[in-house]
Amino acid sequence: MNARLTLFLQDLNRLYRERKELNELDFAPDGFEWIDFQDVSQSVITFIRKSRDNRLLLMAFNMTPEPRFKYRVGVPRGGFYKEILNSDASEYAGSGLGNLGGVKSDQIPWNNRSHSVSLTLPPLACWSSN
């Protein structure tokens, strides 16, 4: 297996083990919330994974070979959303396109939420933030 793919899979597995937002409520409806799964024109899906203590991870998937710049996503609360996984990162042999470590939310309503973030979504990539 390619060394960079191995590194990505190791990081993904570590993230799953360490972040209770991804595993604590794995089989409970309270652990998952769709943001948008109907953006068929841009082939992007977004959702939130949650823990019992209301910690959350924002997940975004761009299913096309085209990057999505300034892609707005509604978020449940204001604040800084730190990038914790980007499958297009240079350490995984990707282009390195991303959000420079994270994004600050705007008080712009979107997806039926009071705040939103403007993301750069790399092509054919998954992106996660807490």
C-alpha atoms as a PDB file:
ATOM      1  CA  MET A   1       0.000   0.000   0.000  1.00  0.00           C
ATOM      2  CA  ASN A   2       1.185   3.510  -0.758  1.00  0.00           C
ATOM      3  CA  ALA A   3       2.887   5.117   2.283  1.00  0.00           C
ATOM      4  CA  ARG A   4       0.804   8.301   2.040  1.00  0.00           C
ATOM      5  CA  LEU A   5      -2.432   6.360   1.848  1.00  0.00           C
ATOM      6  CA  THR A   6      -1.313   4.362   4.871  1.00  0.00           C
ATOM      7  CA  LEU A   7      -0.632   7.627   6.742  1.00  0.00           C
ATOM      8  CA  PHE A   8      -4.094   8.949   5.860  1.00  0.00           C
ATOM      9  CA  LEU A   9      -5.778   5.747   7.045  1.00  0.00           C
ATOM     10  CA  GLN A  10      -3.771   5.822  10.276  1.00  0.00           C
ATOM     11  CA  ASP A  11      -4.804   9.434  10.901  1.00  0.00           C
ATOM     12  CA  LEU A  12      -8.431   8.642  10.089  1.00  0.00           C
ATOM     13  CA  ASN A  13      -8.461   5.667  12.484  1.00  0.00           C
ATOM     14  CA  ARG A  14      -6.733   7.710  15.208  1.00  0.00           C
ATOM     15  CA  LEU A  15      -9.313  10.452  14.794  1.00  0.00           C
ATOM     16  CA  TYR A  16     -12.147   7.938  15.103  1.00  0.00           C
ATOM     17  CA  ARG A  17     -10.661   6.453  18.281  1.00  0.00           C
ATOM     18  CA  GLU A  18      -9.801   9.770  19.934  1.00  0.00           C
ATOM     19  CA  ARG A  19     -12.834  11.883  19.096  1.00  0.00           C
ATOM     20  CA  LYS A  20     -15.922  10.894  21.032  1.00  0.00           C
ATOM     21  CA  GLU A  21     -18.028  12.873  18.549  1.00  0.00           C
ATOM     22  CA  LEU A  22     -17.311  10.064  16.072  1.00  0.00           C
ATOM     23  CA  ASN A  23     -17.831   7.045  18.293  1.00  0.00           C
ATOM     24  CA  GLU A  24     -19.708   7.830  21.514  1.00  0.00           C
ATOM     25  CA  LEU A  25     -23.177   7.969  19.938  1.00  0.00           C
ATOM     26  CA  ASP A  26     -22.361   5.794  16.943  1.00  0.00           C
ATOM     27  CA  PHE A  27     -25.695   3.967  16.936  1.00  0.00           C
ATOM     28  CA  ALA A  28     -27.898   6.710  18.388  1.00  0.00           C
ATOM     29  CA  PRO A  29     -29.855   9.267  16.375  1.00  0.00           C
ATOM     30  CA  ASP A  30     -28.581  12.049  18.682  1.00  0.00           C
ATOM     31  CA  GLY A  31     -25.031  11.517  17.401  1.00  0.00           C
ATOM     32  CA  PHE A  32     -25.724  12.569  13.812  1.00  0.00           C
ATOM     33  CA  GLU A  33     -27.371  15.533  12.111  1.00  0.00           C
ATOM     34  CA  TRP A  34     -27.604  16.295   8.416  1.00  0.00           C
ATOM     35  CA  ILE A  35     -26.721  19.807   7.328  1.00  0.00           C
ATOM     36  CA  ASP A  36     -27.318  19.308   3.611  1.00  0.00           C
ATOM     37  CA  PHE A  37     -27.570  16.121   1.567  1.00  0.00           C
ATOM     38  CA  GLN A  38     -29.511  17.602  -1.343  1.00  0.00           C
ATOM     39  CA  ASP A  39     -26.883  19.706  -3.132  1.00  0.00           C
ATOM     40  CA  VAL A  40     -26.953  17.559  -6.240  1.00  0.00           C
ATOM     41  CA  SER A  41     -25.768  20.379  -8.510  1.00  0.00           C
ATOM     42  CA  GLN A  42     -22.403  20.581  -6.700  1.00  0.00           C
ATOM     43  CA  SER A  43     -22.270  17.012  -5.329  1.00  0.00           C
ATOM     44  CA  VAL A  44     -21.433  18.064  -1.783  1.00  0.00           C
ATOM     45  CA  ILE A  45     -22.804  16.539   1.409  1.00  0.00           C
ATOM     46  CA  THR A  46     -22.384  18.027   4.874  1.00  0.00           C
ATOM     47  CA  PHE A  47     -23.303  16.738   8.304  1.00  0.00           C
ATOM     48  CA  ILE A  48     -22.466  16.984  12.003  1.00  0.00           C
ATOM     49  CA  ARG A  49     -21.356  14.256  14.379  1.00  0.00           C
ATOM     50  CA  LYS A  50     -22.043  14.932  18.074  1.00  0.00           C
ATOM     51  CA  SER A  51     -21.075  13.648  21.510  1.00  0.00           C
ATOM     52  CA  ARG A  52     -23.186  13.404  24.662  1.00  0.00           C
ATOM     53  CA  ASP A  53     -21.631  16.605  26.047  1.00  0.00           C
ATOM     54  CA  ASN A  54     -22.648  18.516  22.868  1.00  0.00           C
ATOM     55  CA  ARG A  55     -19.210  18.617  21.266  1.00  0.00           C
ATOM     56  CA  LEU A  56     -19.446  18.459  17.496  1.00  0.00           C
ATOM     57  CA  LEU A  57     -17.526  17.794  14.324  1.00  0.00           C
ATOM     58  CA  LEU A  58     -18.469  19.358  11.022  1.00  0.00           C
ATOM     59  CA  MET A  59     -17.952  17.017   8.071  1.00  0.00           C
ATOM     60  CA  ALA A  60     -17.971  18.049   4.403  1.00  0.00           C
ATOM     61  CA  PHE A  61     -17.476  15.843   1.345  1.00  0.00           C
ATOM     62  CA  ASN A  62     -16.895  17.142  -2.169  1.00  0.00           C
ATOM     63  CA  MET A  63     -17.655  14.282  -4.546  1.00  0.00           C
ATOM     64  CA  THR A  64     -16.427  15.977  -7.723  1.00  0.00           C
ATOM     65  CA  PRO A  65     -12.985  16.554  -9.292  1.00  0.00           C
ATOM     66  CA  GLU A  66     -13.650  20.309  -9.100  1.00  0.00           C
ATOM     67  CA  PRO A  67     -12.700  22.354  -6.018  1.00  0.00           C
ATOM     68  CA  ARG A  68     -15.508  24.289  -4.371  1.00  0.00           C
ATOM     69  CA  PHE A  69     -14.431  27.774  -3.306  1.00  0.00           C
ATOM     70  CA  LYS A  70     -16.481  29.888  -0.871  1.00  0.00           C
ATOM     71  CA  TYR A  71     -18.852  26.975  -0.290  1.00  0.00           C
ATOM     72  CA  ARG A  72     -21.219  28.131   2.454  1.00  0.00           C
ATOM     73  CA  VAL A  73     -22.343  25.666   5.126  1.00  0.00           C
ATOM     74  CA  GLY A  74     -24.735  26.353   7.989  1.00  0.00           C
ATOM     75  CA  VAL A  75     -23.357  25.617  11.465  1.00  0.00           C
ATOM     76  CA  PRO A  76     -25.181  25.281  14.788  1.00  0.00           C
ATOM     77  CA  ARG A  77     -23.127  27.893  16.642  1.00  0.00           C
ATOM     78  CA  GLY A  78     -20.658  30.672  16.127  1.00  0.00           C
ATOM     79  CA  GLY A  79     -16.926  30.362  16.643  1.00  0.00           C
ATOM     80  CA  PHE A  80     -13.784  29.039  15.019  1.00  0.00           C
ATOM     81  CA  TYR A  81     -13.946  25.716  13.201  1.00  0.00           C
ATOM     82  CA  LYS A  82     -10.473  24.201  13.265  1.00  0.00           C
ATOM     83  CA  GLU A  83      -9.548  21.953  10.345  1.00  0.00           C
ATOM     84  CA  ILE A  84      -8.666  18.541  11.795  1.00  0.00           C
ATOM     85  CA  LEU A  85      -8.678  16.361   8.676  1.00  0.00           C
ATOM     86  CA  ASN A  86      -8.312  17.195   5.014  1.00  0.00           C
ATOM     87  CA  SER A  87      -7.848  14.240   2.689  1.00  0.00           C
ATOM     88  CA  ASP A  88      -6.314  16.595   0.097  1.00  0.00           C
ATOM     89  CA  ALA A  89      -3.489  17.679   2.435  1.00  0.00           C
ATOM     90  CA  SER A  90       0.022  17.606   0.993  1.00  0.00           C
ATOM     91  CA  GLU A  91       1.143  14.980   3.546  1.00  0.00           C
ATOM     92  CA  TYR A  92      -1.315  12.594   1.889  1.00  0.00           C
ATOM     93  CA  ALA A  93       0.017  13.476  -1.596  1.00  0.00           C
ATOM     94  CA  GLY A  94      -2.845  15.884  -2.194  1.00  0.00           C
ATOM     95  CA  SER A  95      -2.727  19.392  -3.609  1.00  0.00           C
ATOM     96  CA  GLY A  96      -2.754  21.022  -0.173  1.00  0.00           C
ATOM     97  CA  LEU A  97      -5.912  22.961  -0.982  1.00  0.00           C
ATOM     98  CA  GLY A  98      -7.853  23.731   2.167  1.00  0.00           C
ATOM     99  CA  ASN A  99      -8.788  26.328   4.748  1.00  0.00           C
ATOM    100  CA  LEU A 100      -5.412  27.272   6.238  1.00  0.00           C
ATOM    101  CA  GLY A 101      -6.112  25.474   9.500  1.00  0.00           C
ATOM    102  CA  GLY A 102      -9.728  26.488   9.941  1.00  0.00           C
ATOM    103  CA  VAL A 103     -12.432  29.085   9.440  1.00  0.00           C
ATOM    104  CA  LYS A 104     -14.309  31.551  11.631  1.00  0.00           C
ATOM    105  CA  SER A 105     -18.079  31.436  11.371  1.00  0.00           C
ATOM    106  CA  ASP A 106     -20.145  34.337  10.124  1.00  0.00           C
ATOM    107  CA  GLN A 107     -23.483  35.442  11.514  1.00  0.00           C
ATOM    108  CA  ILE A 108     -25.047  34.676   8.152  1.00  0.00           C
ATOM    109  CA  PRO A 109     -28.043  32.323   8.337  1.00  0.00           C
ATOM    110  CA  TRP A 110     -27.682  29.258   6.100  1.00  0.00           C
ATOM    111  CA  ASN A 111     -29.175  25.755   5.990  1.00  0.00           C
ATOM    112  CA  ASN A 112     -31.734  26.758   8.667  1.00  0.00           C
ATOM    113  CA  ARG A 113     -28.961  27.725  11.097  1.00  0.00           C
ATOM    114  CA  SER A 114     -28.073  31.150  12.524  1.00  0.00           C
ATOM    115  CA  HIS A 115     -24.358  30.944  11.609  1.00  0.00           C
ATOM    116  CA  SER A 116     -22.382  29.636   8.658  1.00  0.00           C
ATOM    117  CA  VAL A 117     -18.849  29.121   7.405  1.00  0.00           C
ATOM    118  CA  SER A 118     -17.374  29.702   3.976  1.00  0.00           C
ATOM    119  CA  LEU A 119     -15.188  26.742   3.030  1.00  0.00           C
ATOM    120  CA  THR A 120     -12.724  25.790   0.374  1.00  0.00           C
ATOM    121  CA  LEU A 121     -13.559  22.167  -0.395  1.00  0.00           C
ATOM    122  CA  PRO A 122     -10.787  20.348  -2.272  1.00  0.00           C
ATOM    123  CA  PRO A 123     -11.747  18.065  -5.150  1.00  0.00           C
ATOM    124  CA  LEU A 124     -12.732  14.475  -4.309  1.00  0.00           C
ATOM    125  CA  ALA A 125     -11.978  15.146  -0.665  1.00  0.00           C
ATOM    126  CA  CYS A 126     -13.356  14.877   2.833  1.00  0.00           C
ATOM    127  CA  TRP A 127     -12.880  17.737   5.251  1.00  0.00           C
ATOM    128  CA  SER A 128     -13.544  17.795   8.974  1.00  0.00           C
ATOM    129  CA  SER A 129     -13.529  20.513  11.599  1.00  0.00           C
ATOM    130  CA  ASN A 130     -14.307  20.862  15.285  1.00  0.00           C
END
